[in-house]
N, C-alpha and C. Protein backbone atom coordinates (compact mmCIF):
# COMPACT_ATOMS: atom_id res chain seq x y z
N UNK A 1 83.03 53.22 95.35
CA UNK A 1 82.73 52.22 94.06
C UNK A 1 83.87 52.51 92.92
N UNK A 2 84.43 51.48 92.63
CA UNK A 2 85.43 51.13 91.42
C UNK A 2 85.24 51.86 90.24
N UNK A 3 85.96 52.28 89.35
CA UNK A 3 85.76 52.74 88.24
C UNK A 3 85.76 51.63 87.42
N UNK A 4 85.27 51.89 86.02
CA UNK A 4 85.04 50.38 85.31
C UNK A 4 86.53 49.89 84.86
N UNK A 5 87.36 51.05 84.47
CA UNK A 5 88.99 50.74 84.62
C UNK A 5 89.57 49.76 85.66
N UNK A 6 89.24 50.34 86.72
CA UNK A 6 89.78 49.37 87.97
C UNK A 6 89.41 48.06 88.29
N UNK A 7 87.89 47.79 87.64
CA UNK A 7 87.23 46.54 87.81
C UNK A 7 87.83 45.81 86.57
N UNK A 8 88.17 46.24 85.44
CA UNK A 8 88.51 45.56 84.54
C UNK A 8 90.01 45.14 84.78
N UNK A 9 90.64 46.05 85.15
CA UNK A 9 92.20 45.46 85.91
C UNK A 9 92.14 44.28 86.57
N UNK A 10 91.20 44.68 87.72
CA UNK A 10 90.95 43.68 88.87
C UNK A 10 90.84 41.92 88.19
N UNK A 11 89.75 42.15 87.18
CA UNK A 11 89.39 40.88 86.53
C UNK A 11 90.50 40.41 85.54
N UNK A 12 91.34 41.48 84.79
CA UNK A 12 92.46 40.59 84.16
C UNK A 12 93.47 40.14 85.04
N UNK A 13 93.70 40.64 86.21
CA UNK A 13 94.83 40.05 87.07
C UNK A 13 94.23 38.69 87.52
N UNK A 14 93.03 38.56 88.00
CA UNK A 14 92.65 37.18 88.43
C UNK A 14 92.81 36.09 87.08
N UNK A 15 92.07 36.81 85.85
CA UNK A 15 92.43 35.88 84.99
C UNK A 15 93.67 35.44 84.26
N UNK A 16 94.73 36.24 84.77
CA UNK A 16 96.01 36.17 84.54
C UNK A 16 96.51 34.81 85.38
N UNK A 17 95.74 34.85 86.47
CA UNK A 17 96.08 33.74 87.24
C UNK A 17 97.07 34.33 88.46
N UNK A 18 97.12 35.74 88.40
CA UNK A 18 97.80 36.50 89.28
C UNK A 18 97.21 36.68 90.73
N UNK A 19 96.60 35.73 91.11
CA UNK A 19 95.69 35.62 92.37
C UNK A 19 96.50 36.39 93.61
N UNK A 20 97.56 36.09 94.05
CA UNK A 20 98.16 36.78 95.20
C UNK A 20 98.30 38.40 94.66
N UNK A 21 99.09 38.86 93.75
CA UNK A 21 99.19 39.78 93.33
C UNK A 21 97.98 40.76 93.12
N UNK A 22 96.58 40.19 92.65
CA UNK A 22 95.43 40.70 92.63
C UNK A 22 94.84 41.29 94.15
N UNK A 23 95.21 40.26 95.12
CA UNK A 23 94.69 40.48 96.52
C UNK A 23 95.59 41.72 96.96
N UNK A 24 96.84 41.76 96.85
CA UNK A 24 98.20 42.71 97.37
C UNK A 24 97.53 44.18 96.49
N UNK A 25 96.97 44.28 95.24
CA UNK A 25 96.84 45.39 94.65
C UNK A 25 95.49 46.11 94.82
N UNK A 26 94.41 45.00 95.02
CA UNK A 26 93.03 45.50 95.08
C UNK A 26 92.22 45.63 96.37
N UNK A 27 92.72 45.04 97.22
CA UNK A 27 92.07 44.82 98.57
C UNK A 27 92.78 45.53 99.97
N UNK A 28 91.91 46.23 100.43
CA UNK A 28 92.44 46.97 101.76
C UNK A 28 93.04 46.04 102.57
N UNK A 29 94.24 46.65 103.69
CA UNK A 29 94.82 46.08 104.47
C UNK A 29 93.83 45.03 105.34
N UNK A 30 92.66 45.81 105.81
CA UNK A 30 91.55 45.28 106.86
C UNK A 30 90.56 44.46 105.91
N UNK A 31 91.14 43.91 104.90
CA UNK A 31 89.67 43.40 104.10
C UNK A 31 89.25 42.13 104.69
N UNK A 32 88.33 41.64 104.03
CA UNK A 32 87.84 39.99 104.50
C UNK A 32 87.31 39.43 103.44
N UNK A 33 87.34 37.82 103.33
CA UNK A 33 86.81 37.06 102.42
C UNK A 33 86.22 35.97 103.25
N UNK A 34 85.14 35.49 102.75
CA UNK A 34 84.22 34.58 103.38
C UNK A 34 84.06 33.55 102.14
N UNK A 35 83.95 32.21 102.58
CA UNK A 35 83.55 31.04 101.84
C UNK A 35 82.36 30.75 102.23
N UNK A 36 81.13 30.97 101.37
CA UNK A 36 79.94 30.45 101.66
C UNK A 36 79.38 31.22 103.27
N UNK A 37 79.03 30.19 104.17
CA UNK A 37 78.60 31.14 105.54
C UNK A 37 79.84 30.81 106.61
N UNK A 38 80.93 30.13 106.12
CA UNK A 38 82.15 30.06 107.12
C UNK A 38 82.29 31.43 107.58
N UNK A 39 82.91 31.58 108.73
CA UNK A 39 83.69 32.75 109.14
C UNK A 39 84.80 33.24 108.23
N UNK A 40 84.61 34.51 108.31
CA UNK A 40 85.50 35.13 107.42
C UNK A 40 87.18 35.27 107.84
N UNK A 41 87.82 35.08 106.85
CA UNK A 41 89.14 35.67 106.90
C UNK A 41 89.47 36.82 106.97
N UNK A 42 90.12 37.65 107.59
CA UNK A 42 90.34 39.04 107.75
C UNK A 42 91.84 39.50 107.83
N UNK A 43 91.91 40.68 107.25
CA UNK A 43 93.29 41.08 106.96
C UNK A 43 94.07 40.70 105.35
N UNK A 44 94.39 41.49 105.02
CA UNK A 44 94.67 41.38 103.67
C UNK A 44 96.21 40.15 103.70
N UNK A 45 97.14 40.37 104.69
CA UNK A 45 98.15 39.49 104.93
C UNK A 45 97.49 38.09 104.97
N UNK A 46 96.36 37.92 105.92
CA UNK A 46 95.85 36.70 106.06
C UNK A 46 95.25 36.20 104.51
N UNK A 47 94.82 36.95 103.99
CA UNK A 47 93.92 36.58 102.69
C UNK A 47 95.08 36.07 101.57
N UNK A 48 96.55 36.62 101.60
CA UNK A 48 97.61 36.49 100.80
C UNK A 48 98.31 34.96 101.16
N UNK A 49 98.33 34.96 102.51
CA UNK A 49 98.76 33.49 103.12
C UNK A 49 97.67 32.44 102.76
N UNK A 50 96.56 32.52 102.91
CA UNK A 50 95.62 31.46 102.42
C UNK A 50 95.56 31.42 100.91
N UNK A 51 95.58 32.39 100.19
CA UNK A 51 95.69 32.24 98.60
C UNK A 51 96.95 31.62 98.12
N UNK A 52 98.05 31.84 98.81
CA UNK A 52 99.22 31.22 98.75
C UNK A 52 99.24 29.43 98.66
N UNK A 53 98.70 29.17 99.77
CA UNK A 53 98.25 27.81 100.37
C UNK A 53 97.56 26.94 99.31
N UNK A 54 96.45 27.73 99.05
CA UNK A 54 95.64 27.05 98.05
C UNK A 54 96.56 26.79 96.81
N UNK A 55 97.00 27.74 96.11
CA UNK A 55 97.89 27.72 94.97
C UNK A 55 98.91 26.81 95.02
N UNK A 56 99.69 26.59 96.25
CA UNK A 56 100.65 25.40 96.28
C UNK A 56 100.12 24.24 95.90
N UNK A 57 98.85 24.02 96.39
CA UNK A 57 98.22 22.54 95.97
C UNK A 57 98.18 22.31 94.79
N UNK A 58 98.04 23.01 93.59
CA UNK A 58 97.91 23.21 91.98
C UNK A 58 99.11 23.14 91.21
N UNK A 59 99.22 22.31 90.47
CA UNK A 59 100.14 22.58 89.43
C UNK A 59 99.62 23.49 88.46
N UNK A 60 98.70 23.70 88.03
CA UNK A 60 98.19 24.68 87.28
C UNK A 60 96.57 25.03 87.76
N UNK A 61 96.54 26.24 87.31
CA UNK A 61 95.16 27.03 87.49
C UNK A 61 94.64 27.72 86.29
N UNK A 62 93.42 27.68 86.16
CA UNK A 62 93.19 28.52 85.21
C UNK A 62 91.79 29.18 85.52
N UNK A 63 91.65 30.60 85.31
CA UNK A 63 90.56 31.70 85.96
C UNK A 63 89.94 32.24 84.67
N UNK A 64 88.52 32.19 84.82
CA UNK A 64 87.70 32.79 84.06
C UNK A 64 86.75 33.77 84.33
N UNK A 65 86.25 34.82 83.76
CA UNK A 65 85.34 35.63 84.35
C UNK A 65 84.31 35.18 83.34
N UNK A 66 83.15 34.83 83.90
CA UNK A 66 81.98 34.84 83.06
C UNK A 66 80.90 35.97 83.05
N UNK A 67 81.57 36.87 82.16
CA UNK A 67 80.48 38.25 82.27
C UNK A 67 79.16 38.13 81.85
N UNK A 68 78.53 39.26 82.25
CA UNK A 68 79.45 40.79 82.79
C UNK A 68 79.19 40.57 84.35
N UNK A 69 80.11 41.62 84.94
CA UNK A 69 80.36 41.72 86.21
C UNK A 69 79.17 43.00 86.49
N UNK A 70 78.35 42.50 87.45
CA UNK A 70 77.21 43.40 87.72
C UNK A 70 77.74 44.35 88.99
N UNK A 71 77.44 45.80 88.55
CA UNK A 71 78.03 46.98 89.80
C UNK A 71 76.74 47.64 89.91
N UNK A 72 76.50 47.52 91.27
CA UNK A 72 75.61 48.75 92.15
C UNK A 72 76.13 49.48 92.77
N UNK A 73 76.82 50.61 92.69
CA UNK A 73 77.44 51.48 93.64
C UNK A 73 78.69 50.84 93.97
N UNK A 74 78.63 50.87 95.50
CA UNK A 74 80.02 49.77 95.78
C UNK A 74 79.97 48.56 95.98
N UNK A 75 78.98 48.02 95.25
CA UNK A 75 78.65 46.64 95.36
C UNK A 75 79.06 45.76 93.92
N UNK A 76 79.67 44.97 94.07
CA UNK A 76 79.64 43.96 92.64
C UNK A 76 79.84 42.46 92.67
N UNK A 77 79.09 41.92 91.65
CA UNK A 77 79.16 40.54 91.75
C UNK A 77 79.73 40.27 90.44
N UNK A 78 80.65 38.98 90.73
CA UNK A 78 81.44 38.72 89.52
C UNK A 78 81.10 36.90 89.50
N UNK A 79 80.84 36.79 88.40
CA UNK A 79 80.76 35.02 88.16
C UNK A 79 82.08 34.51 87.77
N UNK A 80 82.78 33.63 88.49
CA UNK A 80 83.86 32.89 88.19
C UNK A 80 83.84 31.35 87.83
N UNK A 81 84.87 31.00 86.89
CA UNK A 81 84.91 29.92 86.66
C UNK A 81 86.78 29.27 86.69
N UNK A 82 86.80 28.50 87.81
CA UNK A 82 87.99 27.94 88.18
C UNK A 82 88.30 26.63 87.54
N UNK A 83 89.42 26.25 87.24
CA UNK A 83 90.06 24.90 86.93
C UNK A 83 91.35 24.71 87.76
N UNK A 84 91.48 23.62 88.54
CA UNK A 84 92.59 23.32 89.34
C UNK A 84 93.37 21.99 88.84
N UNK A 85 94.32 21.94 88.56
CA UNK A 85 94.81 20.48 88.47
C UNK A 85 95.84 20.52 89.60
N UNK A 86 95.92 19.43 90.21
CA UNK A 86 96.77 18.96 91.24
C UNK A 86 98.02 18.53 90.75
N UNK A 87 98.87 18.35 91.74
CA UNK A 87 99.92 17.55 91.32
C UNK A 87 100.03 16.38 91.05
N UNK A 88 98.83 15.58 91.45
CA UNK A 88 98.69 14.29 91.25
C UNK A 88 97.91 14.13 89.86
N UNK A 89 97.74 15.31 89.20
CA UNK A 89 96.90 14.94 87.94
C UNK A 89 95.29 14.99 88.03
N UNK A 90 94.87 15.13 89.15
CA UNK A 90 93.51 15.09 89.53
C UNK A 90 92.96 16.77 89.25
N UNK A 91 91.84 16.71 88.78
CA UNK A 91 91.22 18.18 88.29
C UNK A 91 90.09 18.20 89.26
N UNK A 92 89.89 19.66 89.64
CA UNK A 92 88.65 20.18 90.30
C UNK A 92 88.50 21.23 89.55
N UNK A 93 86.98 21.54 89.17
CA UNK A 93 86.35 22.74 88.57
C UNK A 93 85.42 23.06 89.56
N UNK A 94 85.20 24.72 89.56
CA UNK A 94 84.31 25.41 90.41
C UNK A 94 83.89 26.51 89.64
N UNK A 95 82.60 26.74 90.12
CA UNK A 95 81.80 27.98 89.48
C UNK A 95 81.31 28.54 90.85
N UNK A 96 81.79 30.00 90.93
CA UNK A 96 81.15 30.66 92.00
C UNK A 96 80.63 32.11 91.75
N UNK A 97 79.89 32.87 92.59
CA UNK A 97 79.85 34.09 92.48
C UNK A 97 80.55 34.77 93.75
N UNK A 98 81.14 35.98 93.48
CA UNK A 98 82.04 36.55 94.36
C UNK A 98 81.24 38.03 94.57
N UNK A 99 80.68 38.13 95.65
CA UNK A 99 79.81 39.45 96.26
C UNK A 99 80.87 40.35 96.88
N UNK A 100 81.20 41.33 96.35
CA UNK A 100 82.18 42.19 96.74
C UNK A 100 81.41 43.59 97.29
N UNK A 101 82.35 44.14 98.34
CA UNK A 101 81.93 45.57 98.85
C UNK A 101 83.12 46.32 98.42
N UNK A 102 83.16 47.12 97.63
CA UNK A 102 84.32 47.94 97.48
C UNK A 102 84.20 49.30 98.39
N UNK A 103 85.37 49.84 98.74
CA UNK A 103 85.42 51.15 99.28
C UNK A 103 86.56 52.00 98.22
N UNK A 104 86.03 52.84 97.57
CA UNK A 104 86.94 53.38 96.61
C UNK A 104 87.14 52.30 95.67
N UNK A 105 88.46 52.47 95.49
CA UNK A 105 89.13 51.74 94.35
C UNK A 105 89.47 50.32 94.96
N UNK A 106 89.47 49.80 96.10
CA UNK A 106 90.05 48.58 96.58
C UNK A 106 88.43 47.73 97.16
N UNK A 107 88.72 46.35 97.57
CA UNK A 107 88.01 45.81 98.00
C UNK A 107 87.88 45.75 99.43
N UNK A 108 86.90 45.92 100.06
CA UNK A 108 86.77 45.58 101.65
C UNK A 108 86.37 44.49 101.97
N UNK A 109 85.24 43.77 101.57
CA UNK A 109 84.57 42.80 102.02
C UNK A 109 84.19 41.91 100.68
N UNK A 110 84.48 40.47 100.69
CA UNK A 110 83.93 39.63 99.85
C UNK A 110 83.53 38.44 100.18
N UNK A 111 82.48 37.85 99.64
CA UNK A 111 81.88 36.73 100.26
C UNK A 111 81.74 35.90 99.07
N UNK A 112 82.08 34.57 98.74
CA UNK A 112 82.11 33.72 97.45
C UNK A 112 80.75 32.66 98.04
N UNK A 113 80.25 32.53 97.16
CA UNK A 113 78.80 31.63 96.89
C UNK A 113 79.02 30.46 95.93
N UNK A 114 79.23 29.18 96.60
CA UNK A 114 79.65 28.11 95.61
C UNK A 114 78.93 26.60 96.20
N UNK A 115 79.00 25.83 95.21
CA UNK A 115 78.53 24.51 95.80
C UNK A 115 79.70 23.83 96.01
N UNK A 116 79.80 23.36 97.36
CA UNK A 116 81.24 22.66 97.89
C UNK A 116 81.22 21.16 97.42
N UNK A 117 80.44 20.61 96.56
CA UNK A 117 80.45 19.29 95.76
C UNK A 117 81.30 19.53 94.77
N UNK A 118 81.49 20.82 94.44
CA UNK A 118 82.46 21.08 93.15
C UNK A 118 83.72 20.46 93.40
N UNK A 119 84.04 20.35 94.44
CA UNK A 119 85.59 20.42 95.09
C UNK A 119 85.81 18.79 94.99
N UNK A 120 84.91 17.96 94.50
CA UNK A 120 85.42 16.43 94.44
C UNK A 120 86.22 16.18 93.20
N UNK A 121 87.59 15.62 93.54
CA UNK A 121 88.56 15.93 92.21
C UNK A 121 88.02 14.41 91.22
N UNK A 122 88.33 14.63 90.36
CA UNK A 122 88.21 13.76 89.20
C UNK A 122 89.70 13.63 88.40
N UNK A 123 89.71 12.59 87.77
CA UNK A 123 91.25 12.35 86.93
C UNK A 123 90.54 12.96 85.97
N UNK A 124 92.24 13.58 85.32
CA UNK A 124 92.17 14.68 84.19
C UNK A 124 91.88 14.10 82.87
N UNK A 125 91.71 12.71 82.95
CA UNK A 125 91.51 12.36 81.37
C UNK A 125 90.06 12.54 81.28
N UNK A 126 89.21 12.79 82.23
CA UNK A 126 87.88 13.00 81.95
C UNK A 126 87.53 14.40 81.54
N UNK A 127 88.52 14.88 81.79
CA UNK A 127 88.62 16.51 80.95
C UNK A 127 88.46 16.68 79.60
N UNK A 128 89.11 15.51 78.97
CA UNK A 128 89.22 15.56 77.64
C UNK A 128 88.09 15.71 76.74
N UNK A 129 86.95 15.26 77.56
CA UNK A 129 85.86 15.01 76.56
C UNK A 129 85.11 16.50 76.10
């Protein structure tokens, strides 16, 4: 079970958009991540490589925890909001729930639940409203 301080530091790292660093610091080497019901990615190195691929597609990313995070023993649920601006100026916004299983002070398993329709890009100018 993560301490309140560990969970706060994890959320802060993600909100700083230090996604790769958060994986390196807070996930076990054998950790897995799963998008909705897709097969999980396994192994911290694979998680880092995938995160780098995703981030390379973005000019900018904004990450926000919509609190509170819910903790029940080793299980944590966090509601996230992300805004990705691509190199071509299009924007994608995503809200998701991250369901995590912690083992001590690190994440062992994580599954994300979101509506894939959120990935439809829109011009950045629509974002001004």
